[in-house]
Amino acid sequence: MTIQTVLIAVILVAFAIAAALTIVRIVVGPSILDRAVASDVLLTEVLCILGAEMVINQHTRSIPIMLIIAAVGVFGSISVARFVARRDQ
């Protein structure tokens, strides 16, 4: 076993556990803000996985995908914040 194989296994296990816990928080809730934060965390995990894949395979082809995912996360957070702010008034 090489160090790269061990590193990939550790990354996969860590991100799988984090994703499972995040999906549980999205399903359980209890509020819309909990679900919104959990979905942002899940998007961040996807970004980290793509970044780790780029480092392991030594390329930069995933950067446009990462930018789109980051933009979706930002706009989604802004939308939820505006929705909650209007609902509280």
N, C-alpha and C. Protein backbone atom coordinates (compact mmCIF):
# COMPACT_ATOMS: atom_id res chain seq x y z
N MET A 1 0.84 -1.19 0.00
CA MET A 1 0.00 0.00 0.00
C MET A 1 0.87 1.24 0.00
N THR A 2 0.57 2.12 -0.90
CA THR A 2 1.32 3.36 -0.94
C THR A 2 0.65 4.41 -0.06
N ILE A 3 1.38 5.46 0.18
CA ILE A 3 0.85 6.55 1.00
C ILE A 3 -0.34 7.22 0.30
N GLN A 4 -0.31 7.24 -1.02
CA GLN A 4 -1.41 7.86 -1.77
C GLN A 4 -2.69 7.05 -1.61
N THR A 5 -2.61 5.75 -1.60
CA THR A 5 -3.78 4.90 -1.41
C THR A 5 -4.37 5.10 -0.02
N VAL A 6 -3.51 5.18 0.98
CA VAL A 6 -3.97 5.40 2.34
C VAL A 6 -4.63 6.77 2.45
N LEU A 7 -4.03 7.77 1.84
CA LEU A 7 -4.59 9.13 1.87
C LEU A 7 -5.96 9.17 1.21
N ILE A 8 -6.11 8.52 0.09
CA ILE A 8 -7.40 8.48 -0.60
C ILE A 8 -8.44 7.78 0.26
N ALA A 9 -8.07 6.68 0.91
CA ALA A 9 -9.01 5.96 1.78
C ALA A 9 -9.45 6.82 2.95
N VAL A 10 -8.51 7.54 3.56
CA VAL A 10 -8.85 8.41 4.70
C VAL A 10 -9.77 9.54 4.25
N ILE A 11 -9.48 10.14 3.10
CA ILE A 11 -10.33 11.21 2.57
C ILE A 11 -11.73 10.70 2.29
N LEU A 12 -11.84 9.54 1.67
CA LEU A 12 -13.16 8.98 1.36
C LEU A 12 -13.96 8.69 2.62
N VAL A 13 -13.33 8.12 3.62
CA VAL A 13 -14.04 7.81 4.86
C VAL A 13 -14.48 9.08 5.57
N ALA A 14 -13.59 10.05 5.66
CA ALA A 14 -13.92 11.30 6.36
C ALA A 14 -15.07 12.03 5.67
N PHE A 15 -15.00 12.14 4.37
CA PHE A 15 -16.07 12.84 3.65
C PHE A 15 -17.37 12.04 3.63
N ALA A 16 -17.29 10.73 3.62
CA ALA A 16 -18.52 9.92 3.66
C ALA A 16 -19.23 10.09 5.00
N ILE A 17 -18.48 10.07 6.09
CA ILE A 17 -19.09 10.28 7.40
C ILE A 17 -19.69 11.68 7.51
N ALA A 18 -18.93 12.67 7.06
CA ALA A 18 -19.43 14.05 7.12
C ALA A 18 -20.68 14.24 6.26
N ALA A 19 -20.70 13.64 5.08
CA ALA A 19 -21.87 13.75 4.21
C ALA A 19 -23.08 13.05 4.82
N ALA A 20 -22.87 11.89 5.43
CA ALA A 20 -23.98 11.17 6.05
C ALA A 20 -24.58 11.98 7.20
N LEU A 21 -23.72 12.56 8.04
CA LEU A 21 -24.21 13.37 9.14
C LEU A 21 -24.93 14.63 8.65
N THR A 22 -24.43 15.20 7.58
CA THR A 22 -25.06 16.39 7.01
C THR A 22 -26.43 16.05 6.42
N ILE A 23 -26.54 14.93 5.75
CA ILE A 23 -27.83 14.53 5.19
C ILE A 23 -28.83 14.24 6.30
N VAL A 24 -28.37 13.67 7.40
CA VAL A 24 -29.26 13.46 8.55
C VAL A 24 -29.78 14.81 9.04
N ARG A 25 -28.92 15.82 9.12
CA ARG A 25 -29.36 17.14 9.59
C ARG A 25 -30.34 17.77 8.60
N ILE A 26 -30.16 17.54 7.31
CA ILE A 26 -31.10 18.07 6.31
C ILE A 26 -32.47 17.41 6.49
N VAL A 27 -32.49 16.12 6.73
CA VAL A 27 -33.75 15.41 6.86
C VAL A 27 -34.44 15.73 8.19
N VAL A 28 -33.68 15.72 9.28
CA VAL A 28 -34.26 15.91 10.61
C VAL A 28 -34.66 17.35 10.86
N GLY A 29 -33.86 18.28 10.41
CA GLY A 29 -34.21 19.69 10.59
C GLY A 29 -33.75 20.23 11.92
N PRO A 30 -34.54 20.75 12.78
CA PRO A 30 -35.99 20.91 12.77
C PRO A 30 -36.45 22.19 12.06
N SER A 31 -35.58 23.17 11.89
CA SER A 31 -36.04 24.41 11.25
C SER A 31 -35.46 24.53 9.85
N ILE A 32 -35.98 25.49 9.10
CA ILE A 32 -35.49 25.71 7.75
C ILE A 32 -34.06 26.24 7.77
N LEU A 33 -33.70 26.96 8.82
CA LEU A 33 -32.32 27.45 8.92
C LEU A 33 -31.35 26.31 9.14
N ASP A 34 -31.73 25.31 9.94
CA ASP A 34 -30.87 24.13 10.11
C ASP A 34 -30.66 23.42 8.78
N ARG A 35 -31.73 23.29 8.03
CA ARG A 35 -31.62 22.63 6.72
C ARG A 35 -30.78 23.45 5.75
N ALA A 36 -30.90 24.77 5.79
CA ALA A 36 -30.12 25.63 4.90
C ALA A 36 -28.63 25.55 5.23
N VAL A 37 -28.31 25.58 6.51
CA VAL A 37 -26.91 25.48 6.90
C VAL A 37 -26.35 24.11 6.53
N ALA A 38 -27.13 23.07 6.73
CA ALA A 38 -26.68 21.72 6.37
C ALA A 38 -26.47 21.58 4.87
N SER A 39 -27.33 22.20 4.07
CA SER A 39 -27.13 22.12 2.62
C SER A 39 -25.89 22.90 2.20
N ASP A 40 -25.59 24.02 2.89
CA ASP A 40 -24.35 24.74 2.61
C ASP A 40 -23.14 23.89 2.99
N VAL A 41 -23.23 23.18 4.09
CA VAL A 41 -22.14 22.31 4.50
C VAL A 41 -21.95 21.19 3.47
N LEU A 42 -23.04 20.65 2.95
CA LEU A 42 -22.94 19.59 1.94
C LEU A 42 -22.29 20.12 0.66
N LEU A 43 -22.65 21.33 0.25
CA LEU A 43 -22.01 21.92 -0.92
C LEU A 43 -20.52 22.15 -0.67
N THR A 44 -20.18 22.57 0.53
CA THR A 44 -18.78 22.77 0.87
C THR A 44 -18.01 21.46 0.85
N GLU A 45 -18.66 20.39 1.30
CA GLU A 45 -18.02 19.08 1.24
C GLU A 45 -17.77 18.65 -0.20
N VAL A 46 -18.72 18.93 -1.07
CA VAL A 46 -18.53 18.61 -2.50
C VAL A 46 -17.35 19.40 -3.05
N LEU A 47 -17.24 20.67 -2.67
CA LEU A 47 -16.11 21.48 -3.12
C LEU A 47 -14.79 20.89 -2.61
N CYS A 48 -14.77 20.47 -1.37
CA CYS A 48 -13.55 19.88 -0.80
C CYS A 48 -13.19 18.57 -1.49
N ILE A 49 -14.20 17.77 -1.80
CA ILE A 49 -13.94 16.51 -2.51
C ILE A 49 -13.36 16.79 -3.89
N LEU A 50 -13.93 17.75 -4.60
CA LEU A 50 -13.39 18.11 -5.91
C LEU A 50 -11.97 18.65 -5.80
N GLY A 51 -11.72 19.45 -4.77
CA GLY A 51 -10.37 19.97 -4.56
C GLY A 51 -9.38 18.87 -4.25
N ALA A 52 -9.78 17.92 -3.41
CA ALA A 52 -8.90 16.80 -3.10
C ALA A 52 -8.63 15.95 -4.34
N GLU A 53 -9.66 15.76 -5.15
CA GLU A 53 -9.48 14.99 -6.39
C GLU A 53 -8.51 15.70 -7.33
N MET A 54 -8.59 17.03 -7.39
CA MET A 54 -7.66 17.78 -8.25
C MET A 54 -6.22 17.64 -7.75
N VAL A 55 -6.03 17.67 -6.44
CA VAL A 55 -4.68 17.53 -5.88
C VAL A 55 -4.14 16.13 -6.13
N ILE A 56 -4.98 15.13 -5.91
CA ILE A 56 -4.52 13.75 -6.07
C ILE A 56 -4.16 13.46 -7.52
N ASN A 57 -5.00 13.92 -8.46
CA ASN A 57 -4.76 13.64 -9.88
C ASN A 57 -3.97 14.74 -10.59
N GLN A 58 -3.57 15.77 -9.88
CA GLN A 58 -2.72 16.85 -10.38
C GLN A 58 -3.26 17.49 -11.66
N HIS A 59 -4.46 18.06 -11.54
CA HIS A 59 -5.05 18.80 -12.66
C HIS A 59 -5.88 19.95 -12.09
N THR A 60 -6.34 20.81 -12.98
CA THR A 60 -7.17 21.95 -12.56
C THR A 60 -8.46 22.04 -13.38
N ARG A 61 -8.87 20.95 -13.97
CA ARG A 61 -10.06 20.98 -14.83
C ARG A 61 -11.36 21.17 -14.07
N SER A 62 -11.39 20.95 -12.77
CA SER A 62 -12.62 21.04 -12.00
C SER A 62 -12.90 22.44 -11.44
N ILE A 63 -12.01 23.37 -11.69
CA ILE A 63 -12.19 24.72 -11.13
C ILE A 63 -13.49 25.38 -11.61
N PRO A 64 -13.86 25.32 -12.89
CA PRO A 64 -15.15 25.93 -13.29
C PRO A 64 -16.35 25.30 -12.57
N ILE A 65 -16.32 24.00 -12.37
CA ILE A 65 -17.40 23.33 -11.65
C ILE A 65 -17.45 23.81 -10.21
N MET A 66 -16.28 23.97 -9.60
CA MET A 66 -16.21 24.44 -8.23
C MET A 66 -16.76 25.86 -8.11
N LEU A 67 -16.47 26.70 -9.09
CA LEU A 67 -16.98 28.08 -9.06
C LEU A 67 -18.51 28.10 -9.17
N ILE A 68 -19.06 27.25 -10.01
CA ILE A 68 -20.52 27.19 -10.17
C ILE A 68 -21.17 26.69 -8.88
N ILE A 69 -20.59 25.66 -8.26
CA ILE A 69 -21.14 25.14 -7.01
C ILE A 69 -21.07 26.20 -5.92
N ALA A 70 -19.97 26.94 -5.86
CA ALA A 70 -19.83 28.00 -4.85
C ALA A 70 -20.86 29.10 -5.07
N ALA A 71 -21.10 29.47 -6.33
CA ALA A 71 -22.09 30.50 -6.63
C ALA A 71 -23.50 30.03 -6.25
N VAL A 72 -23.82 28.80 -6.54
CA VAL A 72 -25.12 28.26 -6.16
C VAL A 72 -25.30 28.30 -4.65
N GLY A 73 -24.25 27.95 -3.91
CA GLY A 73 -24.31 27.99 -2.46
C GLY A 73 -24.53 29.39 -1.92
N VAL A 74 -23.83 30.35 -2.48
CA VAL A 74 -23.97 31.74 -2.02
C VAL A 74 -25.37 32.26 -2.32
N PHE A 75 -25.83 32.06 -3.54
CA PHE A 75 -27.16 32.56 -3.90
C PHE A 75 -28.25 31.83 -3.13
N GLY A 76 -28.07 30.56 -2.85
CA GLY A 76 -29.04 29.83 -2.04
C GLY A 76 -29.09 30.35 -0.62
N SER A 77 -27.95 30.64 -0.04
CA SER A 77 -27.91 31.19 1.32
C SER A 77 -28.57 32.56 1.38
N ILE A 78 -28.31 33.38 0.39
CA ILE A 78 -28.93 34.71 0.35
C ILE A 78 -30.43 34.59 0.22
N SER A 79 -30.90 33.68 -0.61
CA SER A 79 -32.34 33.49 -0.79
C SER A 79 -33.01 33.03 0.50
N VAL A 80 -32.40 32.09 1.20
CA VAL A 80 -32.97 31.61 2.45
C VAL A 80 -32.97 32.72 3.49
N ALA A 81 -31.90 33.48 3.57
CA ALA A 81 -31.83 34.57 4.54
C ALA A 81 -32.91 35.61 4.27
N ARG A 82 -33.13 35.94 3.00
CA ARG A 82 -34.18 36.91 2.66
C ARG A 82 -35.56 36.35 2.98
N PHE A 83 -35.78 35.07 2.71
CA PHE A 83 -37.05 34.44 3.01
C PHE A 83 -37.34 34.48 4.51
N VAL A 84 -36.35 34.12 5.31
CA VAL A 84 -36.53 34.10 6.75
C VAL A 84 -36.74 35.53 7.29
N ALA A 85 -36.00 36.48 6.73
CA ALA A 85 -36.15 37.87 7.18
C ALA A 85 -37.56 38.40 6.88
N ARG A 86 -38.10 38.07 5.73
CA ARG A 86 -39.46 38.51 5.39
C ARG A 86 -40.50 37.81 6.24
N ARG A 87 -40.28 36.55 6.55
CA ARG A 87 -41.23 35.79 7.35
C ARG A 87 -41.27 36.30 8.79
N ASP A 88 -40.14 36.79 9.30
CA ASP A 88 -40.08 37.27 10.68
C ASP A 88 -40.71 38.63 10.86
N GLN A 89 -40.96 39.35 9.79
CA GLN A 89 -41.51 40.71 9.91
C GLN A 89 -42.96 40.72 10.23
